[in-house]
Amino acid sequence: MYENLTLYIDGKFIAAEGRHTQPVVNPANREVLGHLPHATEEDLQAALEAADRAFQSWKHSNPMDRAAILRKVGELTRERAKDIARNLTLDQGKPFSEALGELVSCADHADWHAEECRRIYGRIITPRSPNVRQMVLREPIGVCVAFTPWNFPYNQAIRKVCAAIGAGCTIVLKGPEDSPSAVMAIAKMFHDAGLPPGVLNLVWGDPPKVSDYLIRSPISRKVSFTGSVPVGKQLAALAGAHMKRVTMELGGHSPVLVFDDADIEKAAKMLAKFKIRNAGQVCVSPTRFYVQRKAYDKFLAAFTDVLKGIKTGDGLEEGTEMGPLAHERRIPSISRFIEDARARGGDVILGGDPIEGKGFFFPPTVVTNLPDDSMLMTEEPFGPVAPVVAFDDTEEVIKKANSLPFGLSSYVFTNSLQTATRVSNALEVGMVNINHFGSALPETPFGGVKDSGIGSEGGSETFDGYLVTKFVTHV
């Protein structure tokens, strides 16, 4: 059965009980799966106050105890993965195999934070005077508020929750209303793992109203957001007005640089499969394909050939490789990119029009002969659309890759160590993947530069945004 949807405040699961609710819809067939209760202002205040009360003791908790809870959540994630993945497919749309992969990888995130939270160290600074002791302490920042997106609902939420709780903070989380089941499952797992009441609180509601209330509150001290650049800038500005720490993982427009000395067939097949992951609704999805002219025709043929054979359908059906878009408003959004491409002389050589039927399906689409200032080359499409253009030399393609305000991820395919080094040094991004896709592991930092965000999640940097530095000196 589909997940029972509630609020989770101060260790209690709170049903609708007269609150406003919104339907949760299966994007593959438009069927209503359940009704999600929206938090009232009283609920939001109760969540903040519960987190504040819990912080007074949780900040002094033994890191071994915190690690034990996180490790238990990792175990429960593996035990419950298939059921959670099924519900994730129902409300988000991605194929079951992708949903299951998301769950399994997130168990690793819980394990990683369990180990790293035991290694939050300060340091001793050698004094100038022998009778002085100088030390640096790392302390939890306080009550955190977090806002997570619908495309990877479990992954994006578990990163923030594990980092905050592992650091000794408490957290109020607003999950994605379009795909809430996986985040609901997180609350249940932490509850079952023995997390004290108030350390984690889960709310839902109208995003602008909820974010404004939580960020303005004097109780909250840290804001973490994953989502679009425009919304991220608004929340960062609001947090800045109240001098609150932020971690922002925002949108991208990842350039792909395929050089003619690469294994072209292999690169094309890998990129085609990666492009249709989660129907292209991935912040690090490859979105601007620059292929060196000598290899252009070969790459395009192989790339398009793979996409032609992709099976699109309900994520729970056997053999489905790409599910629907997550919600109805994505269809006109992507269609505008195609309309602009056609108006500007682009050639749509594959796909391009929504698939008829009940669900929110859009086929894998390839567009060529696009000018650099077209929508597809300058704005994040967030769908299964790939613009492929040719380039001649390295300096030219580096300039084009760096020409946008985005700077999240990038992909480079070359068999030249010299080219790989030169390009990885020159790209203005937070992550560079050379000849494979290697980002988003628990032990590696994930984050962008420029408009793509502030701070990193994962890796040894994972707790930086949740800790403050205190200097203590005494004689």
Protein backbone atom coordinates (compact mmCIF):
# COMPACT_ATOMS: atom_id res chain seq x y z
CA MET A 1 0.00 0.00 0.00
CA TYR A 2 1.02 3.61 -0.58
CA GLU A 3 2.64 5.45 2.33
CA ASN A 4 0.38 7.00 4.98
CA LEU A 5 1.05 10.75 4.73
CA THR A 6 1.28 12.83 7.91
CA LEU A 7 3.25 15.59 9.57
CA TYR A 8 5.95 14.53 12.05
CA ILE A 9 6.46 16.96 14.92
CA ASP A 10 8.11 16.37 18.30
CA GLY A 11 8.17 12.63 17.79
CA LYS A 12 4.48 12.37 16.83
CA PHE A 13 2.88 11.53 13.48
CA ILE A 14 0.03 14.00 12.95
CA ALA A 15 -2.75 13.23 10.46
CA ALA A 16 -4.75 15.83 8.52
CA GLU A 17 -7.41 16.27 11.25
CA GLY A 18 -9.15 19.13 9.44
CA ARG A 19 -6.01 20.64 7.90
CA HIS A 20 -5.88 21.57 4.23
CA THR A 21 -4.70 18.66 2.11
CA GLN A 22 -3.50 18.26 -1.46
CA PRO A 23 -3.77 15.21 -3.69
CA VAL A 24 -0.62 13.26 -4.53
CA VAL A 25 -0.83 12.06 -8.14
CA ASN A 26 0.84 9.19 -9.99
CA PRO A 27 2.46 10.92 -13.00
CA ALA A 28 2.21 7.74 -15.09
CA ASN A 29 -1.60 7.62 -15.05
CA ARG A 30 -2.88 10.65 -13.06
CA GLU A 31 -4.41 8.44 -10.37
CA VAL A 32 -4.64 9.96 -6.89
CA LEU A 33 -2.42 8.04 -4.48
CA GLY A 34 -3.18 9.88 -1.26
CA HIS A 35 -3.76 13.25 0.35
CA LEU A 36 -0.95 15.23 1.97
CA PRO A 37 -1.74 17.43 5.00
CA HIS A 38 -0.39 20.98 4.95
CA ALA A 39 1.08 22.41 8.14
CA THR A 40 -0.63 25.40 9.71
CA GLU A 41 1.40 28.27 11.17
CA GLU A 42 0.77 26.71 14.56
CA ASP A 43 2.29 23.47 13.28
CA LEU A 44 5.35 25.27 11.92
CA GLN A 45 5.86 27.05 15.22
CA ALA A 46 5.40 23.79 17.11
CA ALA A 47 8.03 22.13 14.92
CA LEU A 48 10.52 24.96 15.49
CA GLU A 49 9.94 24.96 19.25
CA ALA A 50 10.26 21.18 19.41
CA ALA A 51 13.57 21.38 17.51
CA ASP A 52 14.76 24.14 19.85
CA ARG A 53 13.93 22.15 22.98
CA ALA A 54 15.56 19.03 21.60
CA PHE A 55 18.71 20.94 20.64
CA GLN A 56 19.43 21.86 24.26
CA SER A 57 20.27 18.23 24.99
CA TRP A 58 21.06 16.86 21.52
CA LYS A 59 23.99 19.30 21.09
CA HIS A 60 25.66 17.57 24.05
CA SER A 61 24.87 14.05 22.81
CA ASN A 62 27.60 11.46 22.53
CA PRO A 63 28.75 11.17 18.89
CA MET A 64 28.81 7.39 19.36
CA ASP A 65 25.07 7.50 20.12
CA ARG A 66 24.41 9.69 17.11
CA ALA A 67 26.43 7.30 14.97
CA ALA A 68 24.42 4.33 16.25
CA ILE A 69 21.15 5.94 15.20
CA LEU A 70 22.47 6.84 11.76
CA ARG A 71 23.81 3.32 11.30
CA LYS A 72 20.43 1.90 12.26
CA VAL A 73 18.77 4.11 9.65
CA GLY A 74 21.17 2.67 7.08
CA GLU A 75 20.12 -0.85 8.09
CA LEU A 76 16.41 0.01 7.95
CA THR A 77 16.86 1.64 4.55
CA ARG A 78 18.23 -1.61 3.15
CA GLU A 79 15.50 -3.68 4.83
CA ARG A 80 12.66 -1.48 3.56
CA ALA A 81 14.18 -0.47 0.25
CA LYS A 82 11.81 -2.33 -2.07
CA ASP A 83 8.64 -1.02 -0.45
CA ILE A 84 9.94 2.55 -0.30
CA ALA A 85 11.19 2.33 -3.89
CA ARG A 86 7.79 1.14 -5.11
CA ASN A 87 6.08 4.14 -3.52
CA LEU A 88 8.79 6.45 -4.82
CA THR A 89 8.08 5.18 -8.34
CA LEU A 90 4.35 5.66 -7.82
CA ASP A 91 4.54 9.34 -6.85
CA GLN A 92 7.73 10.47 -8.63
CA GLY A 93 7.62 8.35 -11.79
CA LYS A 94 11.18 7.07 -12.17
CA PRO A 95 11.65 3.39 -13.06
CA PHE A 96 11.63 1.02 -10.09
CA SER A 97 15.26 0.02 -10.71
CA GLU A 98 16.33 3.67 -10.43
CA ALA A 99 14.24 4.19 -7.30
CA LEU A 100 15.75 1.09 -5.72
CA GLY A 101 19.24 2.29 -6.66
CA GLU A 102 18.52 5.63 -4.97
CA LEU A 103 17.54 3.85 -1.76
CA VAL A 104 20.55 1.56 -1.68
CA SER A 105 22.99 4.41 -2.28
CA CYS A 106 21.33 6.42 0.48
CA ALA A 107 21.96 3.65 2.98
CA ASP A 108 25.63 4.31 2.26
CA HIS A 109 25.07 8.00 3.05
CA ALA A 110 23.69 7.09 6.47
CA ASP A 111 26.68 4.82 7.12
CA TRP A 112 29.16 7.47 5.98
CA HIS A 113 27.72 10.15 8.26
CA ALA A 114 27.64 7.66 11.12
CA GLU A 115 31.38 7.20 10.78
CA GLU A 116 32.29 10.83 10.06
CA CYS A 117 30.27 12.31 12.93
CA ARG A 118 32.66 10.54 15.29
CA ARG A 119 35.52 12.52 13.75
CA ILE A 120 34.39 16.10 14.22
CA TYR A 121 37.61 17.43 15.68
CA GLY A 122 38.86 20.73 16.99
CA ARG A 123 42.54 21.55 17.41
CA ILE A 124 45.13 22.96 19.77
CA ILE A 125 47.09 26.01 18.62
CA THR A 126 50.62 26.41 19.92
CA PRO A 127 50.62 29.53 22.14
CA ARG A 128 53.12 32.38 22.10
CA SER A 129 53.30 32.24 25.88
CA PRO A 130 53.94 28.95 27.72
CA ASN A 131 51.23 29.61 30.33
CA VAL A 132 48.48 30.11 27.72
CA ARG A 133 46.30 27.34 26.27
CA GLN A 134 44.61 27.96 22.91
CA MET A 135 42.02 25.64 21.40
CA VAL A 136 39.50 25.59 18.58
CA LEU A 137 36.14 23.88 19.12
CA ARG A 138 33.60 22.83 16.47
CA GLU A 139 30.06 23.10 17.80
CA PRO A 140 26.63 22.42 16.24
CA ILE A 141 25.07 25.57 14.84
CA GLY A 142 21.56 24.97 16.20
CA VAL A 143 18.14 24.44 14.68
CA CYS A 144 18.35 23.88 10.92
CA VAL A 145 15.59 24.23 8.36
CA ALA A 146 15.85 22.31 5.11
CA PHE A 147 13.94 22.26 1.84
CA THR A 148 14.30 19.32 -0.53
CA PRO A 149 13.17 18.68 -4.14
CA TRP A 150 10.93 16.14 -5.86
CA ASN A 151 13.41 14.63 -8.32
CA PHE A 152 15.45 12.61 -5.80
CA PRO A 153 13.22 12.84 -2.75
CA TYR A 154 15.00 10.28 -0.58
CA ASN A 155 18.54 11.15 -1.62
CA GLN A 156 18.28 14.90 -1.21
CA ALA A 157 16.53 14.69 2.15
CA ILE A 158 18.73 12.02 3.73
CA ARG A 159 21.90 14.00 2.97
CA LYS A 160 20.67 17.03 4.89
CA VAL A 161 19.09 15.09 7.74
CA CYS A 162 22.15 12.90 8.34
CA ALA A 163 24.52 15.88 8.24
CA ALA A 164 22.44 17.95 10.64
CA ILE A 165 21.76 15.15 13.11
CA GLY A 166 25.31 13.81 12.89
CA ALA A 167 26.69 17.27 13.68
CA GLY A 168 24.51 17.53 16.79
CA CYS A 169 21.92 19.85 15.28
CA THR A 170 18.17 19.48 15.14
CA ILE A 171 16.17 19.99 11.97
CA VAL A 172 12.80 20.97 10.54
CA LEU A 173 12.46 19.49 7.06
CA LYS A 174 9.98 20.53 4.37
CA GLY A 175 9.90 17.77 1.82
CA PRO A 176 8.52 17.82 -1.73
CA GLU A 177 4.72 17.82 -1.92
CA ASP A 178 4.74 16.17 -5.37
CA SER A 179 6.67 13.08 -4.20
CA PRO A 180 6.37 12.83 -0.42
CA SER A 181 6.38 9.09 0.31
CA ALA A 182 10.16 8.62 0.48
CA VAL A 183 10.62 11.53 2.88
CA MET A 184 7.77 10.21 5.00
CA ALA A 185 9.67 6.91 5.14
CA ILE A 186 12.77 8.74 6.41
CA ALA A 187 10.83 10.17 9.34
CA LYS A 188 9.51 6.71 10.21
CA MET A 189 12.97 5.16 10.07
CA PHE A 190 14.55 7.74 12.36
CA HIS A 191 11.59 7.34 14.69
CA ASP A 192 12.04 3.55 14.72
CA ALA A 193 15.81 3.94 15.17
CA GLY A 194 15.22 5.71 18.49
CA LEU A 195 15.87 9.34 17.58
CA PRO A 196 14.71 11.55 20.48
CA PRO A 197 11.52 13.59 19.88
CA GLY A 198 12.08 16.98 18.27
CA VAL A 199 15.45 16.24 16.71
CA LEU A 200 13.79 15.65 13.33
CA ASN A 201 10.51 17.31 12.35
CA LEU A 202 8.73 16.97 9.01
CA VAL A 203 6.27 19.50 7.58
CA TRP A 204 4.50 20.08 4.27
CA GLY A 205 2.68 23.02 2.76
CA ASP A 206 2.73 25.94 0.38
CA PRO A 207 6.49 26.32 -0.34
CA PRO A 208 6.77 30.15 -0.24
CA LYS A 209 4.76 30.42 2.97
CA VAL A 210 6.52 27.57 4.74
CA SER A 211 10.02 28.72 3.76
CA ASP A 212 9.30 32.33 4.72
CA TYR A 213 7.99 31.33 8.15
CA LEU A 214 10.80 28.91 8.95
CA ILE A 215 13.63 31.15 7.74
CA ARG A 216 12.36 34.33 9.43
CA SER A 217 11.97 32.62 12.79
CA PRO A 218 14.64 33.59 15.32
CA ILE A 219 14.79 29.93 16.32
CA SER A 220 16.35 28.70 13.07
CA ARG A 221 20.06 29.26 12.54
CA LYS A 222 20.86 27.37 9.33
CA VAL A 223 19.11 27.05 5.95
CA SER A 224 19.76 24.23 3.49
CA PHE A 225 18.03 24.19 0.12
CA THR A 226 18.19 22.10 -3.03
CA GLY A 227 16.24 23.39 -6.00
CA SER A 228 16.14 26.01 -8.73
CA VAL A 229 18.44 29.02 -8.99
CA PRO A 230 15.66 31.67 -8.78
CA VAL A 231 14.11 30.16 -5.64
CA GLY A 232 17.54 29.54 -4.12
CA LYS A 233 18.48 33.19 -4.58
CA GLN A 234 15.26 34.30 -2.88
CA LEU A 235 15.83 32.04 0.10
CA ALA A 236 19.50 32.98 0.35
CA ALA A 237 18.56 36.66 0.35
CA LEU A 238 16.00 36.09 3.09
CA ALA A 239 18.51 34.08 5.13
CA GLY A 240 21.15 36.76 4.58
CA ALA A 241 18.81 39.43 5.88
CA HIS A 242 18.73 37.48 9.16
CA MET A 243 22.43 36.54 9.09
CA LYS A 244 21.78 32.82 8.79
CA ARG A 245 24.20 30.26 7.39
CA VAL A 246 23.15 28.71 4.07
CA THR A 247 23.96 25.68 1.97
CA MET A 248 22.54 26.04 -1.53
CA GLU A 249 22.63 23.23 -4.10
CA LEU A 250 20.99 24.89 -7.09
CA GLY A 251 20.42 24.23 -10.77
CA GLY A 252 22.96 23.41 -13.42
CA HIS A 253 23.39 23.26 -17.17
CA SER A 254 26.14 20.67 -17.35
CA PRO A 255 28.41 20.93 -20.39
CA VAL A 256 29.62 17.73 -22.06
CA LEU A 257 32.93 18.00 -23.94
CA VAL A 258 33.56 15.08 -26.29
CA PHE A 259 36.97 15.27 -27.98
CA ASP A 260 37.71 13.39 -31.19
CA ASP A 261 40.39 11.26 -29.49
CA ALA A 262 37.82 9.72 -27.13
CA ASP A 263 36.17 6.33 -27.50
CA ILE A 264 33.23 7.89 -29.36
CA GLU A 265 30.92 4.87 -29.47
CA LYS A 266 31.36 4.20 -25.76
CA ALA A 267 30.92 7.86 -24.83
CA ALA A 268 27.74 8.17 -26.91
CA LYS A 269 26.15 5.08 -25.36
CA MET A 270 27.09 6.07 -21.81
CA LEU A 271 25.80 9.61 -22.25
CA ALA A 272 22.54 8.52 -23.86
CA LYS A 273 21.74 6.24 -20.92
CA PHE A 274 22.78 8.87 -18.40
CA LYS A 275 20.73 11.54 -20.18
CA ILE A 276 17.43 9.67 -19.76
CA ARG A 277 18.05 8.90 -16.08
CA ASN A 278 15.00 10.11 -14.17
CA ALA A 279 13.70 11.45 -17.53
CA GLY A 280 16.47 14.07 -17.49
CA GLN A 281 15.15 15.57 -14.25
CA VAL A 282 18.58 15.59 -12.64
CA CYS A 283 20.50 18.68 -11.57
CA VAL A 284 23.74 17.14 -12.87
CA SER A 285 22.20 15.72 -16.03
CA PRO A 286 24.38 16.29 -19.14
CA THR A 287 22.56 19.10 -20.93
CA ARG A 288 24.88 20.87 -23.40
CA PHE A 289 26.65 18.44 -25.72
CA TYR A 290 29.75 19.84 -27.43
CA VAL A 291 31.34 17.31 -29.80
CA GLN A 292 34.57 17.94 -31.70
CA ARG A 293 33.80 18.27 -35.39
CA LYS A 294 35.72 15.22 -36.65
CA ALA A 295 33.76 12.98 -34.28
CA TYR A 296 30.43 14.80 -34.52
CA ASP A 297 28.60 12.61 -37.07
CA LYS A 298 29.77 9.37 -35.49
CA PHE A 299 28.77 10.52 -32.01
CA LEU A 300 25.38 11.82 -33.12
CA ALA A 301 24.51 8.60 -34.93
CA ALA A 302 25.44 6.38 -31.98
CA PHE A 303 23.84 8.70 -29.41
CA THR A 304 20.55 8.94 -31.32
CA ASP A 305 20.50 5.22 -32.03
CA VAL A 306 20.52 4.40 -28.30
CA LEU A 307 17.79 6.93 -27.52
CA LYS A 308 15.57 5.55 -30.28
CA GLY A 309 15.46 2.23 -28.48
CA ILE A 310 14.60 3.54 -25.01
CA LYS A 311 11.40 2.05 -23.61
CA THR A 312 9.27 4.75 -22.01
CA GLY A 313 6.40 3.86 -19.71
CA ASP A 314 5.11 3.28 -16.19
CA GLY A 315 8.09 2.86 -13.88
CA LEU A 316 6.61 -0.29 -12.35
CA GLU A 317 6.24 -2.04 -15.72
CA GLU A 318 8.83 -4.64 -16.68
CA GLY A 319 11.51 -3.28 -19.00
CA THR A 320 10.73 0.43 -18.56
CA GLU A 321 13.90 2.47 -19.00
CA MET A 322 12.44 5.96 -18.67
CA GLY A 323 9.34 6.98 -16.74
CA PRO A 324 7.11 10.03 -17.03
CA LEU A 325 7.95 13.58 -16.08
CA ALA A 326 7.20 14.15 -12.41
CA HIS A 327 4.20 16.43 -12.86
CA GLU A 328 1.97 17.95 -15.50
CA ARG A 329 3.57 21.41 -15.49
CA ARG A 330 6.83 19.92 -16.82
CA ILE A 331 5.23 19.19 -20.24
CA PRO A 332 4.61 22.81 -21.32
CA SER A 333 7.92 23.83 -19.77
CA ILE A 334 9.90 21.45 -21.97
CA SER A 335 7.71 22.17 -24.99
CA ARG A 336 8.75 25.82 -24.82
CA PHE A 337 12.38 24.78 -25.29
CA ILE A 338 11.46 22.83 -28.40
CA GLU A 339 9.36 25.67 -29.81
CA ASP A 340 12.25 28.09 -29.32
CA ALA A 341 14.70 25.65 -30.93
CA ARG A 342 12.52 25.25 -34.01
CA ALA A 343 11.95 28.99 -34.27
CA ARG A 344 15.70 29.59 -34.18
CA GLY A 345 16.55 27.14 -36.93
CA GLY A 346 17.31 24.07 -34.82
CA ASP A 347 16.64 20.62 -36.21
CA VAL A 348 14.69 18.23 -33.97
CA ILE A 349 16.03 14.91 -35.25
CA LEU A 350 14.42 12.74 -32.56
CA GLY A 351 11.30 13.18 -30.41
CA GLY A 352 10.18 16.73 -29.74
CA ASP A 353 6.49 16.31 -28.94
CA PRO A 354 4.68 15.01 -25.82
CA ILE A 355 3.52 11.40 -25.90
CA GLU A 356 -0.26 11.10 -26.03
CA GLY A 357 -1.96 9.33 -23.14
CA LYS A 358 -2.91 9.70 -19.48
CA GLY A 359 0.57 10.19 -18.09
CA PHE A 360 3.06 13.06 -18.30
CA PHE A 361 5.36 11.49 -20.86
CA PHE A 362 7.90 13.25 -23.07
CA PRO A 363 10.18 11.20 -25.36
CA PRO A 364 13.99 11.35 -25.54
CA THR A 365 14.68 14.32 -27.81
CA VAL A 366 17.76 15.37 -29.76
CA VAL A 367 18.19 18.82 -31.30
CA THR A 368 21.02 19.96 -33.61
CA ASN A 369 22.17 23.16 -35.35
CA LEU A 370 21.32 25.41 -32.43
CA PRO A 371 22.74 28.91 -31.92
CA ASP A 372 24.60 29.53 -28.67
CA ASP A 373 21.97 31.96 -27.40
CA SER A 374 18.98 29.63 -27.82
CA MET A 375 16.98 28.57 -24.76
CA LEU A 376 18.33 25.03 -24.83
CA MET A 377 21.91 26.26 -24.77
CA THR A 378 21.40 28.86 -22.05
CA GLU A 379 18.64 27.59 -19.70
CA GLU A 380 18.32 24.31 -17.83
CA PRO A 381 15.68 22.16 -19.59
CA PHE A 382 15.33 19.61 -16.76
CA GLY A 383 14.00 16.96 -19.09
CA PRO A 384 15.06 14.32 -21.64
CA VAL A 385 16.22 16.86 -24.22
CA ALA A 386 19.78 16.92 -25.59
CA PRO A 387 21.14 19.72 -27.79
CA VAL A 388 24.21 18.49 -29.71
CA VAL A 389 26.54 20.98 -31.41
CA ALA A 390 30.02 20.82 -32.93
CA PHE A 391 33.21 22.58 -31.85
CA ASP A 392 36.67 22.89 -33.38
CA ASP A 393 39.32 23.57 -30.73
CA THR A 394 39.82 23.32 -26.99
CA GLU A 395 39.92 27.03 -26.19
CA GLU A 396 36.66 27.56 -28.06
CA VAL A 397 34.78 24.85 -26.19
CA ILE A 398 36.14 25.90 -22.77
CA LYS A 399 34.91 29.42 -23.43
CA LYS A 400 31.46 28.13 -24.39
CA ALA A 401 31.29 25.76 -21.43
CA ASN A 402 32.10 28.61 -19.03
CA SER A 403 29.85 31.17 -20.72
CA LEU A 404 26.80 30.62 -18.49
CA PRO A 405 26.25 31.58 -14.84
CA PHE A 406 25.80 27.89 -13.93
CA GLY A 407 28.68 25.91 -12.46
CA LEU A 408 27.49 22.62 -11.00
CA SER A 409 28.82 19.62 -12.93
CA SER A 410 30.56 18.81 -16.21
CA TYR A 411 31.62 15.81 -18.31
CA VAL A 412 34.74 15.37 -20.40
CA PHE A 413 35.55 12.50 -22.76
CA THR A 414 39.12 12.27 -24.04
CA ASN A 415 41.99 9.79 -24.10
CA SER A 416 44.54 12.57 -23.77
CA LEU A 417 45.87 13.13 -20.26
CA GLN A 418 47.04 16.57 -21.35
CA THR A 419 43.57 17.54 -22.56
CA ALA A 420 41.91 16.11 -19.46
CA THR A 421 44.19 18.11 -17.16
CA ARG A 422 43.87 21.30 -19.16
CA VAL A 423 40.09 21.16 -19.33
CA SER A 424 39.53 20.10 -15.71
CA ASN A 425 41.67 23.03 -14.59
CA ALA A 426 39.79 25.48 -16.81
CA LEU A 427 36.15 24.49 -16.24
CA GLU A 428 34.30 26.74 -13.80
CA VAL A 429 32.28 24.06 -12.05
CA GLY A 430 32.10 22.25 -8.74
CA MET A 431 32.51 18.78 -10.27
CA VAL A 432 34.36 17.43 -13.32
CA ASN A 433 33.75 13.84 -14.49
CA ILE A 434 36.29 12.52 -16.98
CA ASN A 435 35.38 9.45 -19.06
CA HIS A 436 32.79 8.27 -16.51
CA PHE A 437 30.12 9.46 -14.07
CA GLY A 438 31.64 9.55 -10.61
CA SER A 439 29.83 12.21 -8.57
CA ALA A 440 27.39 12.02 -5.65
CA LEU A 441 29.10 9.32 -3.60
CA PRO A 442 28.87 9.73 0.20
CA GLU A 443 32.63 10.17 0.52
CA THR A 444 32.91 12.84 -2.21
CA PRO A 445 31.83 16.51 -1.98
CA PHE A 446 28.79 17.50 -4.02
CA GLY A 447 28.19 21.15 -4.84
CA GLY A 448 28.59 23.93 -7.37
CA VAL A 449 30.03 27.38 -7.95
CA LYS A 450 28.66 30.60 -9.42
CA ASP A 451 24.85 30.52 -9.58
CA SER A 452 24.81 26.79 -8.93
CA GLY A 453 25.22 27.15 -5.22
CA ILE A 454 27.12 27.65 -1.99
CA GLY A 455 28.77 24.90 0.03
CA SER A 456 29.07 21.14 -0.42
CA GLU A 457 27.26 18.04 0.78
CA GLY A 458 29.10 14.78 1.26
CA GLY A 459 32.79 14.06 1.70
CA SER A 460 34.82 15.39 4.61
CA GLU A 461 33.11 18.73 3.94
CA THR A 462 29.70 17.30 4.83
CA PHE A 463 29.46 18.85 8.32
CA ASP A 464 31.03 22.23 7.55
CA GLY A 465 27.69 24.00 7.07
CA TYR A 466 26.29 22.63 10.33
CA LEU A 467 29.13 23.60 12.66
CA VAL A 468 30.39 26.86 14.08
CA THR A 469 33.98 27.52 15.11
CA LYS A 470 34.69 28.68 18.65
CA PHE A 471 38.14 29.83 19.79
CA VAL A 472 38.94 29.37 23.49
CA THR A 473 42.06 30.75 25.19
CA HIS A 474 42.94 30.68 28.86
CA VAL A 475 45.82 30.94 31.25
